[in-house]
Amino acid sequence: MTHTEDKHAHTDSPAIALLKEMGAQTTKHSGGTLLTHLLRVEALVAAWGGRPALQTAALCHAFYGTDGLPLVLLDLSERARLTEAIGKEAEELVYFYASCDRKATYPGLASPDDASVVFRDRFTGAEFTPSPQQRRDFAELTAANELDLAKVNASFRERNGDGLLELFTRWSPLLSEAARRDVTTVLG
């Protein structure tokens, strides 16, 4: 398959079709539309060597909204619809990312004592200890999302850059080497 065919196949993917159906290509977002942002985040995770399910989660991370972006493309009652489009593992990553209560979770996410890490689900209020893989995936996706915003929006970078640099420095044990390099390049 040529690069052009591969790009075309991606454009026709069930994930892209669902994003378009939900209006992501017309929803304004930093650096263009929500869809262009999502495609950039997916490309960044891919460039960092993220596995396919994490790349797909990066593309779809905004479906259920986030603690930082209240826009919801798909109601939680329709999780099966997203699962059908992107697969179980990727949908679970999307839910995990969207469900994060940032204030409760961010401070201890990179604690070296796994048992002391508490993740709070903002939808249910449940608290649990995520697996090391969940923590790495979450950190990588968060870094990709925030770095994309910082790259395309100077005022966002000015307002949030120092805090993000501090956060991602704390999270460095969870981030890939490529992600750590981009953190330094974009924010350092």
C-alpha atoms as a PDB file:
ATOM      1  CA  MET A   1       0.000   0.000   0.000  1.00  0.00           C
ATOM      2  CA  THR A   2       1.393   3.411  -0.925  1.00  0.00           C
ATOM      3  CA  HIS A   3       1.519   6.306   1.515  1.00  0.00           C
ATOM      4  CA  THR A   4      -1.316   7.992  -0.413  1.00  0.00           C
ATOM      5  CA  GLU A   5      -3.492   4.877  -0.198  1.00  0.00           C
ATOM      6  CA  ASP A   6      -2.686   4.504   3.505  1.00  0.00           C
ATOM      7  CA  LYS A   7      -3.689   8.123   4.126  1.00  0.00           C
ATOM      8  CA  HIS A   8      -6.894   7.591   2.165  1.00  0.00           C
ATOM      9  CA  ALA A   9      -7.687   4.411   4.123  1.00  0.00           C
ATOM     10  CA  HIS A  10      -7.259   6.355   7.364  1.00  0.00           C
ATOM     11  CA  THR A  11      -9.565   9.099   6.102  1.00  0.00           C
ATOM     12  CA  ASP A  12     -12.250   6.471   5.501  1.00  0.00           C
ATOM     13  CA  SER A  13     -11.746   4.703   8.854  1.00  0.00           C
ATOM     14  CA  PRO A  14     -14.724   4.113  11.143  1.00  0.00           C
ATOM     15  CA  ALA A  15     -13.102   6.401  13.737  1.00  0.00           C
ATOM     16  CA  ILE A  16     -12.799   9.300  11.277  1.00  0.00           C
ATOM     17  CA  ALA A  17     -16.327   8.684  10.005  1.00  0.00           C
ATOM     18  CA  LEU A  18     -17.705   8.826  13.555  1.00  0.00           C
ATOM     19  CA  LEU A  19     -15.680  11.945  14.369  1.00  0.00           C
ATOM     20  CA  LYS A  20     -17.087  13.623  11.270  1.00  0.00           C
ATOM     21  CA  GLU A  21     -20.617  12.464  12.059  1.00  0.00           C
ATOM     22  CA  MET A  22     -20.265  14.066  15.515  1.00  0.00           C
ATOM     23  CA  GLY A  23     -19.056  17.346  13.974  1.00  0.00           C
ATOM     24  CA  ALA A  24     -15.351  17.259  14.864  1.00  0.00           C
ATOM     25  CA  GLN A  25     -14.392  18.632  11.429  1.00  0.00           C
ATOM     26  CA  THR A  26     -16.471  21.794  12.006  1.00  0.00           C
ATOM     27  CA  THR A  27     -15.858  22.319  15.737  1.00  0.00           C
ATOM     28  CA  LYS A  28     -13.357  25.141  16.267  1.00  0.00           C
ATOM     29  CA  HIS A  29     -10.296  24.247  18.327  1.00  0.00           C
ATOM     30  CA  SER A  30      -6.765  25.571  18.828  1.00  0.00           C
ATOM     31  CA  GLY A  31      -4.933  25.450  15.522  1.00  0.00           C
ATOM     32  CA  GLY A  32      -8.028  24.846  13.387  1.00  0.00           C
ATOM     33  CA  THR A  33     -10.760  22.332  14.041  1.00  0.00           C
ATOM     34  CA  LEU A  34     -11.121  19.629  16.648  1.00  0.00           C
ATOM     35  CA  LEU A  35     -10.513  17.017  13.954  1.00  0.00           C
ATOM     36  CA  THR A  36      -7.215  18.620  12.895  1.00  0.00           C
ATOM     37  CA  HIS A  37      -6.121  18.730  16.549  1.00  0.00           C
ATOM     38  CA  LEU A  38      -7.039  15.068  17.038  1.00  0.00           C
ATOM     39  CA  LEU A  39      -5.140  14.069  13.903  1.00  0.00           C
ATOM     40  CA  ARG A  40      -2.065  15.971  15.123  1.00  0.00           C
ATOM     41  CA  VAL A  41      -2.226  14.286  18.549  1.00  0.00           C
ATOM     42  CA  GLU A  42      -2.541  10.883  16.876  1.00  0.00           C
ATOM     43  CA  ALA A  43       0.453  11.668  14.640  1.00  0.00           C
ATOM     44  CA  LEU A  44       2.527  12.747  17.635  1.00  0.00           C
ATOM     45  CA  VAL A  45       1.770   9.535  19.537  1.00  0.00           C
ATOM     46  CA  ALA A  46       2.674   7.583  16.387  1.00  0.00           C
ATOM     47  CA  ALA A  47       5.944   9.514  16.017  1.00  0.00           C
ATOM     48  CA  TRP A  48       6.769   8.596  19.617  1.00  0.00           C
ATOM     49  CA  GLY A  49       6.291   4.912  18.788  1.00  0.00           C
ATOM     50  CA  GLY A  50       2.936   4.450  20.518  1.00  0.00           C
ATOM     51  CA  ARG A  51       1.215   1.146  19.825  1.00  0.00           C
ATOM     52  CA  PRO A  52      -1.810   1.185  17.469  1.00  0.00           C
ATOM     53  CA  ALA A  53      -4.460   1.202  20.235  1.00  0.00           C
ATOM     54  CA  LEU A  54      -2.823   4.224  21.873  1.00  0.00           C
ATOM     55  CA  GLN A  55      -2.619   6.020  18.525  1.00  0.00           C
ATOM     56  CA  THR A  56      -6.324   5.373  17.980  1.00  0.00           C
ATOM     57  CA  ALA A  57      -7.105   6.565  21.503  1.00  0.00           C
ATOM     58  CA  ALA A  58      -5.127   9.731  20.744  1.00  0.00           C
ATOM     59  CA  LEU A  59      -7.285  10.310  17.667  1.00  0.00           C
ATOM     60  CA  CYS A  60     -10.472   9.736  19.663  1.00  0.00           C
ATOM     61  CA  HIS A  61      -9.526  11.119  23.079  1.00  0.00           C
ATOM     62  CA  ALA A  62     -12.164  13.875  23.024  1.00  0.00           C
ATOM     63  CA  PHE A  63     -15.252  11.724  22.420  1.00  0.00           C
ATOM     64  CA  TYR A  64     -16.451  11.790  26.041  1.00  0.00           C
ATOM     65  CA  GLY A  65     -15.058  15.217  26.861  1.00  0.00           C
ATOM     66  CA  THR A  66     -12.292  15.699  29.405  1.00  0.00           C
ATOM     67  CA  ASP A  67     -11.817  17.395  32.731  1.00  0.00           C
ATOM     68  CA  GLY A  68     -10.302  20.278  30.757  1.00  0.00           C
ATOM     69  CA  LEU A  69     -12.715  20.314  27.781  1.00  0.00           C
ATOM     70  CA  PRO A  70     -16.418  19.911  28.519  1.00  0.00           C
ATOM     71  CA  LEU A  71     -17.342  19.346  24.851  1.00  0.00           C
ATOM     72  CA  VAL A  72     -18.827  15.846  24.518  1.00  0.00           C
ATOM     73  CA  LEU A  73     -19.059  14.241  21.091  1.00  0.00           C
ATOM     74  CA  LEU A  74     -20.611  10.993  22.288  1.00  0.00           C
ATOM     75  CA  ASP A  75     -22.548  10.301  25.464  1.00  0.00           C
ATOM     76  CA  LEU A  76     -21.182   7.639  27.806  1.00  0.00           C
ATOM     77  CA  SER A  77     -24.353   5.644  27.211  1.00  0.00           C
ATOM     78  CA  GLU A  78     -23.033   5.132  23.660  1.00  0.00           C
ATOM     79  CA  ARG A  79     -19.671   3.582  24.595  1.00  0.00           C
ATOM     80  CA  ALA A  80     -20.585   0.477  22.580  1.00  0.00           C
ATOM     81  CA  ARG A  81     -20.776   2.626  19.454  1.00  0.00           C
ATOM     82  CA  LEU A  82     -17.233   3.905  19.912  1.00  0.00           C
ATOM     83  CA  THR A  83     -16.032   0.393  20.796  1.00  0.00           C
ATOM     84  CA  GLU A  84     -17.477  -0.864  17.516  1.00  0.00           C
ATOM     85  CA  ALA A  85     -15.630   1.856  15.600  1.00  0.00           C
ATOM     86  CA  ILE A  86     -12.208   1.622  17.273  1.00  0.00           C
ATOM     87  CA  GLY A  87     -12.030  -1.619  19.253  1.00  0.00           C
ATOM     88  CA  LYS A  88     -12.230  -2.468  22.937  1.00  0.00           C
ATOM     89  CA  GLU A  89      -8.675  -1.578  24.004  1.00  0.00           C
ATOM     90  CA  ALA A  90      -8.682   1.831  22.307  1.00  0.00           C
ATOM     91  CA  GLU A  91     -12.151   2.677  23.655  1.00  0.00           C
ATOM     92  CA  GLU A  92     -11.076   1.742  27.183  1.00  0.00           C
ATOM     93  CA  LEU A  93      -8.093   4.091  26.804  1.00  0.00           C
ATOM     94  CA  VAL A  94     -10.413   6.877  25.599  1.00  0.00           C
ATOM     95  CA  TYR A  95     -12.714   6.342  28.586  1.00  0.00           C
ATOM     96  CA  PHE A  96      -9.772   6.206  31.000  1.00  0.00           C
ATOM     97  CA  TYR A  97      -8.386   9.473  29.628  1.00  0.00           C
ATOM     98  CA  ALA A  98     -11.768  11.215  29.649  1.00  0.00           C
ATOM     99  CA  SER A  99     -12.688   9.999  33.110  1.00  0.00           C
ATOM    100  CA  CYS A 100      -9.655  11.456  34.864  1.00  0.00           C
ATOM    101  CA  ASP A 101     -10.352  13.879  37.696  1.00  0.00           C
ATOM    102  CA  ARG A 102      -7.181  15.850  37.079  1.00  0.00           C
ATOM    103  CA  LYS A 103      -7.036  17.651  40.424  1.00  0.00           C
ATOM    104  CA  ALA A 104      -7.229  14.363  42.329  1.00  0.00           C
ATOM    105  CA  THR A 105      -5.072  12.286  39.983  1.00  0.00           C
ATOM    106  CA  TYR A 106      -2.274  14.400  38.516  1.00  0.00           C
ATOM    107  CA  PRO A 107      -0.229  15.033  41.703  1.00  0.00           C
ATOM    108  CA  GLY A 108       0.550  11.391  42.495  1.00  0.00           C
ATOM    109  CA  LEU A 109       0.385   9.737  39.073  1.00  0.00           C
ATOM    110  CA  ALA A 110       4.152   9.197  38.841  1.00  0.00           C
ATOM    111  CA  SER A 111       4.664   8.091  42.432  1.00  0.00           C
ATOM    112  CA  PRO A 112       7.315   5.353  42.583  1.00  0.00           C
ATOM    113  CA  ASP A 113       5.085   3.476  45.032  1.00  0.00           C
ATOM    114  CA  ASP A 114       2.439   2.048  42.673  1.00  0.00           C
ATOM    115  CA  ALA A 115       0.116   1.255  45.558  1.00  0.00           C
ATOM    116  CA  SER A 116      -0.053   4.922  46.560  1.00  0.00           C
ATOM    117  CA  VAL A 117      -1.228   6.106  43.126  1.00  0.00           C
ATOM    118  CA  VAL A 118      -4.910   7.007  43.187  1.00  0.00           C
ATOM    119  CA  PHE A 119      -6.908   7.620  40.028  1.00  0.00           C
ATOM    120  CA  ARG A 120     -10.326   9.219  40.496  1.00  0.00           C
ATOM    121  CA  ASP A 121     -12.975   8.644  37.834  1.00  0.00           C
ATOM    122  CA  ARG A 122     -14.779  11.985  37.429  1.00  0.00           C
ATOM    123  CA  PHE A 123     -17.859  10.245  36.026  1.00  0.00           C
ATOM    124  CA  THR A 124     -18.399   7.763  38.846  1.00  0.00           C
ATOM    125  CA  GLY A 125     -16.294   9.120  41.720  1.00  0.00           C
ATOM    126  CA  ALA A 126     -14.610   5.719  42.005  1.00  0.00           C
ATOM    127  CA  GLU A 127     -10.966   5.676  43.062  1.00  0.00           C
ATOM    128  CA  PHE A 128      -8.508   2.929  42.165  1.00  0.00           C
ATOM    129  CA  THR A 129      -4.841   2.232  41.512  1.00  0.00           C
ATOM    130  CA  PRO A 130      -4.221   2.130  37.757  1.00  0.00           C
ATOM    131  CA  SER A 131      -1.768  -0.367  36.336  1.00  0.00           C
ATOM    132  CA  PRO A 132       1.700   0.868  35.350  1.00  0.00           C
ATOM    133  CA  GLN A 133       0.680   0.497  31.665  1.00  0.00           C
ATOM    134  CA  GLN A 134      -2.463   2.600  32.212  1.00  0.00           C
ATOM    135  CA  ARG A 135      -0.360   5.278  33.874  1.00  0.00           C
ATOM    136  CA  ARG A 136       2.187   5.309  31.013  1.00  0.00           C
ATOM    137  CA  ASP A 137      -0.585   5.443  28.390  1.00  0.00           C
ATOM    138  CA  PHE A 138      -2.357   8.232  30.234  1.00  0.00           C
ATOM    139  CA  ALA A 139       0.826  10.274  30.643  1.00  0.00           C
ATOM    140  CA  GLU A 140       1.817   9.806  27.002  1.00  0.00           C
ATOM    141  CA  LEU A 141      -1.624  10.803  25.718  1.00  0.00           C
ATOM    142  CA  THR A 142      -1.798  13.791  28.070  1.00  0.00           C
ATOM    143  CA  ALA A 143       1.637  14.976  26.973  1.00  0.00           C
ATOM    144  CA  ALA A 144       0.762  14.618  23.277  1.00  0.00           C
ATOM    145  CA  ASN A 145      -2.491  16.530  23.722  1.00  0.00           C
ATOM    146  CA  GLU A 146      -0.991  19.378  25.733  1.00  0.00           C
ATOM    147  CA  LEU A 147       2.145  19.659  23.596  1.00  0.00           C
ATOM    148  CA  ASP A 148       0.017  19.944  20.468  1.00  0.00           C
ATOM    149  CA  LEU A 149      -1.917  22.799  22.060  1.00  0.00           C
ATOM    150  CA  ALA A 150       1.327  24.471  23.142  1.00  0.00           C
ATOM    151  CA  LYS A 151       2.784  24.158  19.635  1.00  0.00           C
ATOM    152  CA  VAL A 152      -0.165  25.774  17.844  1.00  0.00           C
ATOM    153  CA  ASN A 153      -1.286  28.337  20.419  1.00  0.00           C
ATOM    154  CA  ALA A 154       1.278  30.794  21.790  1.00  0.00           C
ATOM    155  CA  SER A 155      -1.109  32.202  24.397  1.00  0.00           C
ATOM    156  CA  PHE A 156      -1.860  28.684  25.673  1.00  0.00           C
ATOM    157  CA  ARG A 157       1.880  28.007  25.899  1.00  0.00           C
ATOM    158  CA  GLU A 158       2.449  31.317  27.699  1.00  0.00           C
ATOM    159  CA  ARG A 159      -0.355  30.665  30.225  1.00  0.00           C
ATOM    160  CA  ASN A 160       0.325  26.970  30.811  1.00  0.00           C
ATOM    161  CA  GLY A 161       3.859  26.205  29.672  1.00  0.00           C
ATOM    162  CA  ASP A 162       5.614  26.456  33.040  1.00  0.00           C
ATOM    163  CA  GLY A 163       2.992  24.329  34.791  1.00  0.00           C
ATOM    164  CA  LEU A 164       3.028  21.720  32.025  1.00  0.00           C
ATOM    165  CA  LEU A 165       6.825  21.576  32.049  1.00  0.00           C
ATOM    166  CA  GLU A 166       6.758  20.992  35.810  1.00  0.00           C
ATOM    167  CA  LEU A 167       4.027  18.335  35.469  1.00  0.00           C
ATOM    168  CA  PHE A 168       5.721  16.436  32.649  1.00  0.00           C
ATOM    169  CA  THR A 169       9.084  16.639  34.404  1.00  0.00           C
ATOM    170  CA  ARG A 170       7.461  14.923  37.412  1.00  0.00           C
ATOM    171  CA  TRP A 171       5.883  12.410  35.041  1.00  0.00           C
ATOM    172  CA  SER A 172       9.125  11.757  33.131  1.00  0.00           C
ATOM    173  CA  PRO A 173       9.403   8.160  34.444  1.00  0.00           C
ATOM    174  CA  LEU A 174       6.071   7.463  32.714  1.00  0.00           C
ATOM    175  CA  LEU A 175       6.940   9.109  29.389  1.00  0.00           C
ATOM    176  CA  SER A 176       8.798   7.631  26.442  1.00  0.00           C
ATOM    177  CA  GLU A 177      12.202   9.073  25.589  1.00  0.00           C
ATOM    178  CA  ALA A 178      10.681  10.678  22.473  1.00  0.00           C
ATOM    179  CA  ALA A 179       7.935  12.344  24.519  1.00  0.00           C
ATOM    180  CA  ARG A 180      10.485  13.635  27.050  1.00  0.00           C
ATOM    181  CA  ARG A 181      12.522  15.156  24.208  1.00  0.00           C
ATOM    182  CA  ASP A 182       9.439  16.903  22.801  1.00  0.00           C
ATOM    183  CA  VAL A 183       8.504  18.221  26.256  1.00  0.00           C
ATOM    184  CA  THR A 184      11.942  19.837  26.475  1.00  0.00           C
ATOM    185  CA  THR A 185      11.805  21.128  22.890  1.00  0.00           C
ATOM    186  CA  VAL A 186       8.317  22.642  23.160  1.00  0.00           C
ATOM    187  CA  LEU A 187       8.249  23.773  26.793  1.00  0.00           C
ATOM    188  CA  GLY A 188      11.851  23.811  28.024  1.00  0.00           C
END
